[in-house]
C-alpha atoms as a PDB file:
ATOM      1  CA  MET A   1     152.913  74.950  93.753  1.00  0.00           C
ATOM      2  CA  ASP A   2     153.420  76.109  96.955  1.00  0.00           C
ATOM      3  CA  TRP A   3     150.723  74.096  99.149  1.00  0.00           C
ATOM      4  CA  LYS A   4     151.159  76.480 102.131  1.00  0.00           C
ATOM      5  CA  ASN A   5     149.904  79.000 100.302  1.00  0.00           C
ATOM      6  CA  GLU A   6     146.154  76.649  99.441  1.00  0.00           C
ATOM      7  CA  LYS A   7     143.138  76.724 101.266  1.00  0.00           C
ATOM      8  CA  VAL A   8     141.537  72.782 100.006  1.00  0.00           C
ATOM      9  CA  LEU A   9     137.768  71.681 100.402  1.00  0.00           C
ATOM     10  CA  VAL A  10     137.492  67.908  99.984  1.00  0.00           C
ATOM     11  CA  THR A  11     134.575  66.596  99.409  1.00  0.00           C
ATOM     12  CA  GLY A  12     133.799  63.177 100.529  1.00  0.00           C
ATOM     13  CA  GLY A  13     136.590  63.784 102.936  1.00  0.00           C
ATOM     14  CA  GLY A  14     135.531  60.850 105.037  1.00  0.00           C
ATOM     15  CA  GLY A  15     135.492  58.487 102.161  1.00  0.00           C
ATOM     16  CA  PHE A  16     138.174  55.887 101.578  1.00  0.00           C
ATOM     17  CA  LEU A  17     140.043  57.952  98.707  1.00  0.00           C
ATOM     18  CA  GLY A  18     139.190  61.578 100.079  1.00  0.00           C
ATOM     19  CA  ARG A  19     140.714  60.503 103.935  1.00  0.00           C
ATOM     20  CA  LYS A  20     143.880  59.453 101.587  1.00  0.00           C
ATOM     21  CA  ILE A  21     143.833  62.803 100.133  1.00  0.00           C
ATOM     22  CA  ILE A  22     143.320  64.765 103.051  1.00  0.00           C
ATOM     23  CA  GLU A  23     146.175  62.995 104.736  1.00  0.00           C
ATOM     24  CA  ASP A  24     148.374  63.426 101.837  1.00  0.00           C
ATOM     25  CA  LEU A  25     147.463  67.217 101.878  1.00  0.00           C
ATOM     26  CA  ALA A  26     148.320  67.266 105.423  1.00  0.00           C
ATOM     27  CA  ALA A  27     151.659  66.101 104.666  1.00  0.00           C
ATOM     28  CA  LEU A  28     152.213  68.971 102.098  1.00  0.00           C
ATOM     29  CA  ASN A  29     151.610  71.392 104.908  1.00  0.00           C
ATOM     30  CA  CYS A  30     148.360  72.394 103.144  1.00  0.00           C
ATOM     31  CA  ALA A  31     147.266  76.072 104.601  1.00  0.00           C
ATOM     32  CA  SER A  32     143.817  74.772 105.547  1.00  0.00           C
ATOM     33  CA  ILE A  33     142.010  71.989 104.565  1.00  0.00           C
ATOM     34  CA  ARG A  34     138.192  71.464 105.043  1.00  0.00           C
ATOM     35  CA  SER A  35     136.272  68.177 104.852  1.00  0.00           C
ATOM     36  CA  VAL A  36     133.009  67.662 103.666  1.00  0.00           C
ATOM     37  CA  GLY A  37     130.824  64.537 104.633  1.00  0.00           C
ATOM     38  CA  ARG A  38     127.370  63.281 105.355  1.00  0.00           C
ATOM     39  CA  LYS A  39     128.406  62.281 108.846  1.00  0.00           C
ATOM     40  CA  SER A  40     130.496  63.978 111.813  1.00  0.00           C
ATOM     41  CA  GLN A  41     134.454  63.178 111.093  1.00  0.00           C
ATOM     42  CA  PRO A  42     136.279  63.265 114.603  1.00  0.00           C
ATOM     43  CA  ALA A  43     139.328  61.540 113.124  1.00  0.00           C
ATOM     44  CA  LEU A  44     139.944  64.156 110.853  1.00  0.00           C
ATOM     45  CA  GLU A  45     139.397  66.832 113.139  1.00  0.00           C
ATOM     46  CA  ARG A  46     142.308  65.117 115.406  1.00  0.00           C
ATOM     47  CA  ILE A  47     144.315  66.000 112.599  1.00  0.00           C
ATOM     48  CA  GLY A  48     143.549  69.942 112.376  1.00  0.00           C
ATOM     49  CA  VAL A  49     141.108  69.578 109.658  1.00  0.00           C
ATOM     50  CA  GLU A  50     137.612  71.668 109.742  1.00  0.00           C
ATOM     51  CA  ALA A  51     135.272  68.824 109.317  1.00  0.00           C
ATOM     52  CA  LEU A  52     132.037  70.387 108.001  1.00  0.00           C
ATOM     53  CA  CYS A  53     128.899  67.843 108.051  1.00  0.00           C
ATOM     54  CA  GLY A  54     126.388  68.559 105.192  1.00  0.00           C
ATOM     55  CA  ASP A  55     124.854  67.194 102.269  1.00  0.00           C
ATOM     56  CA  ILE A  56     126.357  68.269  98.719  1.00  0.00           C
ATOM     57  CA  ARG A  57     122.604  68.230  97.095  1.00  0.00           C
ATOM     58  CA  ASP A  58     121.971  71.621  99.273  1.00  0.00           C
ATOM     59  CA  SER A  59     123.370  74.438  97.318  1.00  0.00           C
ATOM     60  CA  SER A  60     123.429  76.882 100.354  1.00  0.00           C
ATOM     61  CA  PHE A  61     125.405  74.461 102.500  1.00  0.00           C
ATOM     62  CA  VAL A  62     127.857  74.086  99.366  1.00  0.00           C
ATOM     63  CA  SER A  63     128.152  77.917  98.765  1.00  0.00           C
ATOM     64  CA  LYS A  64     129.319  78.140 102.078  1.00  0.00           C
ATOM     65  CA  ALA A  65     131.769  75.182 102.225  1.00  0.00           C
ATOM     66  CA  CYS A  66     133.488  76.676  99.515  1.00  0.00           C
ATOM     67  CA  GLU A  67     133.659  80.085 100.965  1.00  0.00           C
ATOM     68  CA  THR A  68     137.993  81.212 101.625  1.00  0.00           C
ATOM     69  CA  ARG A  69     138.551  78.232  99.478  1.00  0.00           C
ATOM     70  CA  SER A  70     141.108  78.396  96.685  1.00  0.00           C
ATOM     71  CA  LEU A  71     140.755  74.710  95.468  1.00  0.00           C
ATOM     72  CA  VAL A  72     138.664  72.078  95.416  1.00  0.00           C
ATOM     73  CA  ILE A  73     139.004  68.444  94.916  1.00  0.00           C
ATOM     74  CA  HIS A  74     135.562  66.603  95.003  1.00  0.00           C
ATOM     75  CA  THR A  75     135.234  63.094  95.572  1.00  0.00           C
ATOM     76  CA  ALA A  76     131.807  62.416  96.748  1.00  0.00           C
ATOM     77  CA  ALA A  77     129.826  60.431  95.073  1.00  0.00           C
ATOM     78  CA  LEU A  78     126.925  58.037  95.253  1.00  0.00           C
ATOM     79  CA  ALA A  79     128.509  54.645  94.014  1.00  0.00           C
ATOM     80  CA  GLY A  80     126.952  51.549  93.383  1.00  0.00           C
ATOM     81  CA  VAL A  81     125.643  49.144  90.589  1.00  0.00           C
ATOM     82  CA  TRP A  82     121.890  49.648  91.700  1.00  0.00           C
ATOM     83  CA  GLY A  83     119.433  51.764  92.770  1.00  0.00           C
ATOM     84  CA  ASP A  84     116.747  54.918  91.831  1.00  0.00           C
ATOM     85  CA  PHE A  85     118.118  56.857  89.059  1.00  0.00           C
ATOM     86  CA  GLU A  86     116.936  59.873  90.559  1.00  0.00           C
ATOM     87  CA  ASP A  87     119.097  59.254  94.062  1.00  0.00           C
ATOM     88  CA  PHE A  88     122.247  58.792  91.222  1.00  0.00           C
ATOM     89  CA  TYR A  89     120.972  62.080  89.591  1.00  0.00           C
ATOM     90  CA  ARG A  90     120.771  63.822  92.860  1.00  0.00           C
ATOM     91  CA  ILE A  91     124.449  63.386  94.244  1.00  0.00           C
ATOM     92  CA  ASN A  92     126.143  62.589  91.212  1.00  0.00           C
ATOM     93  CA  VAL A  93     124.877  65.516  88.844  1.00  0.00           C
ATOM     94  CA  THR A  94     123.312  67.977  90.985  1.00  0.00           C
ATOM     95  CA  GLY A  95     125.636  67.663  93.971  1.00  0.00           C
ATOM     96  CA  THR A  96     128.165  68.211  91.360  1.00  0.00           C
ATOM     97  CA  GLN A  97     126.550  71.035  89.783  1.00  0.00           C
ATOM     98  CA  ASN A  98     126.357  72.640  93.148  1.00  0.00           C
ATOM     99  CA  ILE A  99     130.139  72.431  93.297  1.00  0.00           C
ATOM    100  CA  ILE A 100     130.854  74.303  90.162  1.00  0.00           C
ATOM    101  CA  ASP A 101     128.423  77.151  90.885  1.00  0.00           C
ATOM    102  CA  SER A 102     129.687  77.432  94.271  1.00  0.00           C
ATOM    103  CA  CYS A 103     133.128  77.502  93.081  1.00  0.00           C
ATOM    104  CA  ILE A 104     132.580  80.097  90.429  1.00  0.00           C
ATOM    105  CA  LYS A 105     130.441  82.090  92.774  1.00  0.00           C
ATOM    106  CA  ARG A 106     133.072  81.462  95.716  1.00  0.00           C
ATOM    107  CA  ASN A 107     136.071  82.748  93.254  1.00  0.00           C
ATOM    108  CA  VAL A 108     137.386  79.183  93.754  1.00  0.00           C
ATOM    109  CA  SER A 109     139.852  78.874  91.155  1.00  0.00           C
ATOM    110  CA  ALA A 110     140.607  75.229  90.536  1.00  0.00           C
ATOM    111  CA  LEU A 111     138.636  72.039  90.936  1.00  0.00           C
ATOM    112  CA  VAL A 112     139.691  68.358  90.436  1.00  0.00           C
ATOM    113  CA  TYR A 113     136.698  65.976  90.351  1.00  0.00           C
ATOM    114  CA  THR A 114     137.127  62.402  90.819  1.00  0.00           C
ATOM    115  CA  SER A 115     135.447  60.566  87.853  1.00  0.00           C
ATOM    116  CA  SER A 116     135.356  56.708  86.862  1.00  0.00           C
ATOM    117  CA  PRO A 117     136.730  55.051  83.493  1.00  0.00           C
ATOM    118  CA  SER A 118     133.110  53.346  83.634  1.00  0.00           C
ATOM    119  CA  VAL A 119     131.703  56.725  82.482  1.00  0.00           C
ATOM    120  CA  ALA A 120     133.674  55.658  78.940  1.00  0.00           C
ATOM    121  CA  TYR A 121     132.927  51.668  79.246  1.00  0.00           C
ATOM    122  CA  SER A 122     130.769  49.913  76.846  1.00  0.00           C
ATOM    123  CA  GLY A 123     132.172  46.450  76.773  1.00  0.00           C
ATOM    124  CA  ASN A 124     135.754  44.609  76.198  1.00  0.00           C
ATOM    125  CA  THR A 125     137.997  47.571  76.577  1.00  0.00           C
ATOM    126  CA  GLU A 126     141.596  47.222  75.711  1.00  0.00           C
ATOM    127  CA  ASN A 127     144.476  49.729  76.558  1.00  0.00           C
ATOM    128  CA  ALA A 128     141.499  52.702  75.711  1.00  0.00           C
ATOM    129  CA  ASP A 129     142.842  56.107  76.008  1.00  0.00           C
ATOM    130  CA  GLU A 130     140.957  59.212  76.730  1.00  0.00           C
ATOM    131  CA  SER A 131     139.576  59.667  72.861  1.00  0.00           C
ATOM    132  CA  VAL A 132     137.138  57.268  73.542  1.00  0.00           C
ATOM    133  CA  PRO A 133     134.003  58.822  73.190  1.00  0.00           C
ATOM    134  CA  TYR A 134     130.958  58.145  75.824  1.00  0.00           C
ATOM    135  CA  PRO A 135     128.640  55.305  75.326  1.00  0.00           C
ATOM    136  CA  GLY A 136     125.716  55.937  73.935  1.00  0.00           C
ATOM    137  CA  LYS A 137     123.817  54.007  76.404  1.00  0.00           C
ATOM    138  CA  TYR A 138     125.175  52.750  80.109  1.00  0.00           C
ATOM    139  CA  LEU A 139     123.776  49.770  81.837  1.00  0.00           C
ATOM    140  CA  ALA A 140     123.593  51.089  85.356  1.00  0.00           C
ATOM    141  CA  TYR A 141     122.979  54.509  86.348  1.00  0.00           C
ATOM    142  CA  TYR A 142     126.556  55.321  88.328  1.00  0.00           C
ATOM    143  CA  PRO A 143     128.408  55.367  84.929  1.00  0.00           C
ATOM    144  CA  GLU A 144     125.635  57.328  84.076  1.00  0.00           C
ATOM    145  CA  THR A 145     125.440  60.137  86.096  1.00  0.00           C
ATOM    146  CA  LYS A 146     129.337  60.472  86.803  1.00  0.00           C
ATOM    147  CA  ALA A 147     129.660  61.002  82.724  1.00  0.00           C
ATOM    148  CA  ILE A 148     126.863  63.797  82.858  1.00  0.00           C
ATOM    149  CA  ALA A 149     128.629  65.113  85.857  1.00  0.00           C
ATOM    150  CA  GLU A 150     131.954  64.821  84.181  1.00  0.00           C
ATOM    151  CA  ARG A 151     130.841  66.524  81.288  1.00  0.00           C
ATOM    152  CA  ALA A 152     129.888  69.576  83.358  1.00  0.00           C
ATOM    153  CA  VAL A 153     132.884  69.654  85.118  1.00  0.00           C
ATOM    154  CA  LEU A 154     134.764  69.827  81.772  1.00  0.00           C
ATOM    155  CA  LYS A 155     132.910  72.450  80.454  1.00  0.00           C
ATOM    156  CA  ALA A 156     132.891  75.147  83.072  1.00  0.00           C
ATOM    157  CA  ASN A 157     136.391  75.161  82.561  1.00  0.00           C
ATOM    158  CA  SER A 158     137.537  78.924  81.732  1.00  0.00           C
ATOM    159  CA  ALA A 159     140.064  81.270  82.382  1.00  0.00           C
ATOM    160  CA  ASN A 160     139.499  82.091  86.021  1.00  0.00           C
ATOM    161  CA  PHE A 161     138.309  78.668  86.760  1.00  0.00           C
ATOM    162  CA  ALA A 162     140.530  75.503  85.942  1.00  0.00           C
ATOM    163  CA  THR A 163     139.007  71.950  85.882  1.00  0.00           C
ATOM    164  CA  VAL A 164     140.048  68.477  85.328  1.00  0.00           C
ATOM    165  CA  ALA A 165     138.409  65.088  85.551  1.00  0.00           C
ATOM    166  CA  ILE A 166     140.591  61.982  86.986  1.00  0.00           C
ATOM    167  CA  ARG A 167     139.151  58.302  86.195  1.00  0.00           C
ATOM    168  CA  PRO A 168     140.963  56.123  88.792  1.00  0.00           C
ATOM    169  CA  HIS A 169     140.005  52.539  88.275  1.00  0.00           C
ATOM    170  CA  LEU A 170     138.938  50.226  90.897  1.00  0.00           C
ATOM    171  CA  ILE A 171     140.505  51.886  93.779  1.00  0.00           C
ATOM    172  CA  TRP A 172     141.764  49.680  96.278  1.00  0.00           C
ATOM    173  CA  GLY A 173     143.950  49.070  99.391  1.00  0.00           C
ATOM    174  CA  PRO A 174     144.519  49.241 103.153  1.00  0.00           C
ATOM    175  CA  GLY A 175     141.160  51.144 104.331  1.00  0.00           C
ATOM    176  CA  ASP A 176     138.544  49.599 101.797  1.00  0.00           C
ATOM    177  CA  PRO A 177     135.359  49.692 102.869  1.00  0.00           C
ATOM    178  CA  HIS A 178     133.701  48.048  99.814  1.00  0.00           C
ATOM    179  CA  LEU A 179     135.604  46.337  96.566  1.00  0.00           C
ATOM    180  CA  LEU A 180     137.812  44.048  98.305  1.00  0.00           C
ATOM    181  CA  PRO A 181     135.793  43.303 101.378  1.00  0.00           C
ATOM    182  CA  ARG A 182     133.027  42.358  99.294  1.00  0.00           C
ATOM    183  CA  VAL A 183     134.907  40.356  97.112  1.00  0.00           C
ATOM    184  CA  ILE A 184     136.188  38.438  99.999  1.00  0.00           C
ATOM    185  CA  GLU A 185     133.159  38.112 102.370  1.00  0.00           C
ATOM    186  CA  ARG A 186     131.494  36.474  98.875  1.00  0.00           C
ATOM    187  CA  ALA A 187     134.191  34.027  98.373  1.00  0.00           C
ATOM    188  CA  GLY A 188     134.416  33.061 101.980  1.00  0.00           C
ATOM    189  CA  LYS A 189     130.842  31.704 101.834  1.00  0.00           C
ATOM    190  CA  GLY A 190     131.662  30.051  98.641  1.00  0.00           C
ATOM    191  CA  LYS A 191     129.171  32.209  96.379  1.00  0.00           C
ATOM    192  CA  LEU A 192     131.735  34.250  94.159  1.00  0.00           C
ATOM    193  CA  ILE A 193     131.331  32.696  91.090  1.00  0.00           C
ATOM    194  CA  GLN A 194     134.024  33.492  87.786  1.00  0.00           C
ATOM    195  CA  VAL A 195     132.277  35.159  84.885  1.00  0.00           C
ATOM    196  CA  GLY A 196     134.060  34.459  81.564  1.00  0.00           C
ATOM    197  CA  ASP A 197     137.122  32.329  80.581  1.00  0.00           C
ATOM    198  CA  GLY A 198     139.134  34.015  83.523  1.00  0.00           C
ATOM    199  CA  LYS A 199     141.381  35.524  81.287  1.00  0.00           C
ATOM    200  CA  ASN A 200     140.559  39.283  81.154  1.00  0.00           C
ATOM    201  CA  LEU A 201     142.811  42.081  82.054  1.00  0.00           C
ATOM    202  CA  VAL A 202     141.708  44.776  84.450  1.00  0.00           C
ATOM    203  CA  ASP A 203     143.252  47.940  85.971  1.00  0.00           C
ATOM    204  CA  MET A 204     143.372  48.531  89.486  1.00  0.00           C
ATOM    205  CA  THR A 205     144.348  51.495  91.456  1.00  0.00           C
ATOM    206  CA  TYR A 206     145.747  51.440  94.638  1.00  0.00           C
ATOM    207  CA  VAL A 207     144.858  54.007  97.127  1.00  0.00           C
ATOM    208  CA  ASP A 208     148.055  56.012  96.769  1.00  0.00           C
ATOM    209  CA  ASN A 209     148.287  56.057  93.719  1.00  0.00           C
ATOM    210  CA  ALA A 210     144.777  57.568  93.203  1.00  0.00           C
ATOM    211  CA  SER A 211     145.322  60.127  95.921  1.00  0.00           C
ATOM    212  CA  SER A 212     148.918  61.016  94.352  1.00  0.00           C
ATOM    213  CA  ALA A 213     147.164  61.321  91.016  1.00  0.00           C
ATOM    214  CA  HIS A 214     145.044  63.916  92.454  1.00  0.00           C
ATOM    215  CA  ILE A 215     147.300  65.910  93.863  1.00  0.00           C
ATOM    216  CA  LEU A 216     149.102  65.972  90.800  1.00  0.00           C
ATOM    217  CA  ALA A 217     146.141  67.101  88.894  1.00  0.00           C
ATOM    218  CA  ALA A 218     146.070  70.306  91.454  1.00  0.00           C
ATOM    219  CA  GLU A 219     149.654  70.759  91.152  1.00  0.00           C
ATOM    220  CA  THR A 220     149.602  70.636  87.267  1.00  0.00           C
ATOM    221  CA  LEU A 221     146.426  73.495  87.001  1.00  0.00           C
ATOM    222  CA  ARG A 222     148.479  75.348  89.262  1.00  0.00           C
ATOM    223  CA  ASN A 223     151.403  75.280  87.144  1.00  0.00           C
ATOM    224  CA  SER A 224     150.248  75.205  83.398  1.00  0.00           C
ATOM    225  CA  GLN A 225     147.063  75.022  81.231  1.00  0.00           C
ATOM    226  CA  LYS A 226     147.999  71.550  79.962  1.00  0.00           C
ATOM    227  CA  ALA A 227     145.429  69.481  82.087  1.00  0.00           C
ATOM    228  CA  ASN A 228     142.887  72.356  81.923  1.00  0.00           C
ATOM    229  CA  GLY A 229     139.443  70.796  80.859  1.00  0.00           C
ATOM    230  CA  LYS A 230     140.455  67.516  80.050  1.00  0.00           C
ATOM    231  CA  ALA A 231     139.835  63.921  82.094  1.00  0.00           C
ATOM    232  CA  TYR A 232     142.404  61.539  82.766  1.00  0.00           C
ATOM    233  CA  PHE A 233     142.859  57.496  83.303  1.00  0.00           C
ATOM    234  CA  ILE A 234     144.619  56.384  86.012  1.00  0.00           C
ATOM    235  CA  SER A 235     145.673  53.006  87.436  1.00  0.00           C
ATOM    236  CA  ASP A 236     148.781  51.014  89.154  1.00  0.00           C
ATOM    237  CA  GLY A 237     150.325  51.242  85.213  1.00  0.00           C
ATOM    238  CA  LYS A 238     149.752  47.355  84.341  1.00  0.00           C
ATOM    239  CA  PRO A 239     146.627  45.300  84.134  1.00  0.00           C
ATOM    240  CA  VAL A 240     145.849  42.077  86.101  1.00  0.00           C
ATOM    241  CA  VAL A 241     144.709  38.956  85.091  1.00  0.00           C
ATOM    242  CA  LEU A 242     141.551  39.754  87.333  1.00  0.00           C
ATOM    243  CA  TRP A 243     140.999  35.908  88.531  1.00  0.00           C
ATOM    244  CA  SER A 244     144.365  35.043  89.089  1.00  0.00           C
ATOM    245  CA  TRP A 245     144.761  38.346  90.752  1.00  0.00           C
ATOM    246  CA  ILE A 246     141.542  37.593  93.028  1.00  0.00           C
ATOM    247  CA  ASN A 247     142.490  33.954  93.752  1.00  0.00           C
ATOM    248  CA  ASN A 248     146.042  34.813  95.070  1.00  0.00           C
ATOM    249  CA  LEU A 249     144.212  37.423  97.180  1.00  0.00           C
ATOM    250  CA  LEU A 250     142.400  34.863  98.374  1.00  0.00           C
ATOM    251  CA  LYS A 251     144.789  32.629  98.656  1.00  0.00           C
ATOM    252  CA  GLU A 252     147.059  34.888 100.816  1.00  0.00           C
ATOM    253  CA  LEU A 253     144.010  34.606 103.544  1.00  0.00           C
ATOM    254  CA  GLY A 254     143.654  31.393 103.388  1.00  0.00           C
ATOM    255  CA  ILE A 255     140.401  31.363 101.263  1.00  0.00           C
ATOM    256  CA  PRO A 256     139.763  28.504  98.964  1.00  0.00           C
ATOM    257  CA  PRO A 257     139.967  29.713  95.406  1.00  0.00           C
ATOM    258  CA  VAL A 258     136.977  30.615  93.249  1.00  0.00           C
ATOM    259  CA  ASP A 259     136.790  27.470  91.488  1.00  0.00           C
ATOM    260  CA  ARG A 260     132.929  27.954  89.746  1.00  0.00           C
ATOM    261  CA  ARG A 261     132.335  29.111  86.416  1.00  0.00           C
ATOM    262  CA  ILE A 262     129.984  30.568  84.270  1.00  0.00           C
ATOM    263  CA  SER A 263     129.775  32.152  81.044  1.00  0.00           C
ATOM    264  CA  TYR A 264     129.197  36.090  80.144  1.00  0.00           C
ATOM    265  CA  ARG A 265     126.344  34.696  78.290  1.00  0.00           C
ATOM    266  CA  SER A 266     124.544  33.145  80.840  1.00  0.00           C
ATOM    267  CA  ALA A 267     125.558  35.628  83.336  1.00  0.00           C
ATOM    268  CA  TYR A 268     124.200  38.411  80.910  1.00  0.00           C
ATOM    269  CA  ALA A 269     120.810  36.443  81.140  1.00  0.00           C
ATOM    270  CA  ALA A 270     120.846  35.919  84.751  1.00  0.00           C
ATOM    271  CA  GLY A 271     121.492  39.774  84.840  1.00  0.00           C
ATOM    272  CA  ILE A 272     118.284  40.533  83.008  1.00  0.00           C
ATOM    273  CA  PHE A 273     115.984  38.330  85.119  1.00  0.00           C
ATOM    274  CA  ILE A 274     117.571  39.298  88.320  1.00  0.00           C
ATOM    275  CA  GLU A 275     117.044  43.016  87.613  1.00  0.00           C
ATOM    276  CA  PHE A 276     113.524  42.326  86.730  1.00  0.00           C
ATOM    277  CA  LEU A 277     112.864  40.699  89.729  1.00  0.00           C
ATOM    278  CA  TYR A 278     114.661  43.719  91.570  1.00  0.00           C
ATOM    279  CA  LYS A 279     112.020  45.950  89.678  1.00  0.00           C
ATOM    280  CA  VAL A 280     108.962  43.967  90.769  1.00  0.00           C
ATOM    281  CA  LEU A 281     109.236  42.945  93.804  1.00  0.00           C
ATOM    282  CA  PRO A 282     110.638  44.531  97.343  1.00  0.00           C
ATOM    283  CA  PHE A 283     114.087  43.422  97.552  1.00  0.00           C
ATOM    284  CA  SER A 284     116.914  45.137  99.460  1.00  0.00           C
ATOM    285  CA  GLY A 285     120.705  45.924  98.727  1.00  0.00           C
ATOM    286  CA  GLU A 286     122.316  45.269  95.786  1.00  0.00           C
ATOM    287  CA  PRO A 287     121.054  42.383  93.062  1.00  0.00           C
ATOM    288  CA  TYR A 288     124.187  39.922  93.062  1.00  0.00           C
ATOM    289  CA  MET A 289     124.022  40.118  89.448  1.00  0.00           C
ATOM    290  CA  THR A 290     123.233  42.655  86.785  1.00  0.00           C
ATOM    291  CA  ARG A 291     123.965  43.154  83.038  1.00  0.00           C
ATOM    292  CA  PHE A 292     127.028  45.728  84.033  1.00  0.00           C
ATOM    293  CA  ILE A 293     128.093  43.269  86.804  1.00  0.00           C
ATOM    294  CA  ALA A 294     128.353  40.262  84.153  1.00  0.00           C
ATOM    295  CA  GLY A 295     130.497  42.820  81.618  1.00  0.00           C
ATOM    296  CA  GLN A 296     132.733  44.149  84.333  1.00  0.00           C
ATOM    297  CA  LEU A 297     133.352  40.640  85.544  1.00  0.00           C
ATOM    298  CA  ALA A 298     133.934  38.860  82.036  1.00  0.00           C
ATOM    299  CA  PHE A 299     135.596  41.391  79.691  1.00  0.00           C
ATOM    300  CA  SER A 300     138.780  43.303  79.677  1.00  0.00           C
ATOM    301  CA  HIS A 301     138.760  46.895  80.695  1.00  0.00           C
ATOM    302  CA  TYR A 302     142.161  49.040  81.212  1.00  0.00           C
ATOM    303  CA  PHE A 303     143.297  51.779  79.884  1.00  0.00           C
ATOM    304  CA  ASN A 304     146.213  53.745  78.585  1.00  0.00           C
ATOM    305  CA  ILE A 305     147.727  56.752  81.348  1.00  0.00           C
ATOM    306  CA  SER A 306     150.396  57.997  78.787  1.00  0.00           C
ATOM    307  CA  ALA A 307     148.439  61.146  78.870  1.00  0.00           C
ATOM    308  CA  ALA A 308     148.805  60.992  82.393  1.00  0.00           C
ATOM    309  CA  ARG A 309     151.981  60.303  82.913  1.00  0.00           C
ATOM    310  CA  ASN A 310     152.721  63.600  80.524  1.00  0.00           C
ATOM    311  CA  ASP A 311     150.567  66.162  81.437  1.00  0.00           C
ATOM    312  CA  LEU A 312     150.483  65.452  85.271  1.00  0.00           C
ATOM    313  CA  GLY A 313     153.558  63.658  85.693  1.00  0.00           C
ATOM    314  CA  TYR A 314     151.951  60.654  87.160  1.00  0.00           C
ATOM    315  CA  ASN A 315     153.417  57.877  88.219  1.00  0.00           C
ATOM    316  CA  PRO A 316     152.755  55.010  90.219  1.00  0.00           C
ATOM    317  CA  LYS A 317     154.024  55.943  93.753  1.00  0.00           C
ATOM    318  CA  THR A 318     153.729  51.974  95.294  1.00  0.00           C
ATOM    319  CA  ASN A 319     154.172  49.028  92.480  1.00  0.00           C
ATOM    320  CA  SER A 320     151.376  46.481  92.756  1.00  0.00           C
ATOM    321  CA  ASP A 321     153.612  43.744  94.496  1.00  0.00           C
ATOM    322  CA  GLU A 322     154.197  45.967  97.680  1.00  0.00           C
ATOM    323  CA  ALA A 323     150.559  47.432  97.675  1.00  0.00           C
ATOM    324  CA  LEU A 324     149.304  43.840  97.800  1.00  0.00           C
ATOM    325  CA  LYS A 325     151.654  42.984 100.629  1.00  0.00           C
ATOM    326  CA  LYS A 326     150.450  46.214 102.638  1.00  0.00           C
ATOM    327  CA  THR A 327     146.773  45.084 102.157  1.00  0.00           C
ATOM    328  CA  VAL A 328     147.020  41.652 102.863  1.00  0.00           C
ATOM    329  CA  GLU A 329     148.366  42.510 106.129  1.00  0.00           C
ATOM    330  CA  TRP A 330     145.552  44.972 106.693  1.00  0.00           C
ATOM    331  CA  LEU A 331     142.963  42.311 105.868  1.00  0.00           C
ATOM    332  CA  LYS A 332     144.782  40.133 108.158  1.00  0.00           C
ATOM    333  CA  GLN A 333     144.475  42.760 110.917  1.00  0.00           C
ATOM    334  CA  LYS A 334     140.366  43.081 110.606  1.00  0.00           C
END
């Protein structure tokens, strides 16, 4: 694939993953890069990116953004464990459908969609591959709406419009605005509590590896049909013992380890109660415990990435030790 012939649109280009994908596309001498975001993106404009400010819920705006593009990488989404269903649906489902419709209307020939392993999560998940079905019930609106959107993307695959879904698990690394800062903040205040026995294994995906997977997926759509209409789990290649990994990170930052524990059953019960309170009282922000969070913190959830290795040629470009070193250096400079 010759990136010098590609005109790419990246939605969510101002976000953590989207920005990294754009940087990597620029390094590949991509012919033209256009970004879509809710806010102005002067940093992207400085490296020659055409940055559009708009809302993917606006079909007219999305149609204009897709004009003249040959490839779309759709990373924009509303993430989180709490909120109104309609908010998640409008951005994650309606927004994605607008992308699909506009790609077809504007003769965009390929779409790489950023999905999530949570679309296939239904509890303790060990070495699961892409044959795992979508669960019948979700405990949060984010995975539920991402699953609806993923199905739409894969269903849209056709002879003239190639689609693929990438499922990176827990993206982290320098520039992370959400995952690690939240963990570190809560730990620093003594508010982080281990849920479960602390032995659960969890996949992580360093941001460089997540970006690489998206670019490889695009190249595969161009070079063959083996990824067309399929979804792929992506990770750093080896799960970590979640609570040991967290405590090791905290140690590197000079923060005391997590030493308080609660059983999964107690955390789940607390989640039920707290969710009820958030529904009937005018609390703002996200609850610190929900049924979904309890499961994520207590259970193993890691996935088999053999399909991505075989079909996309994916191999984590940055190993876990190097990734942690770079991330700790960045965190210490914040």
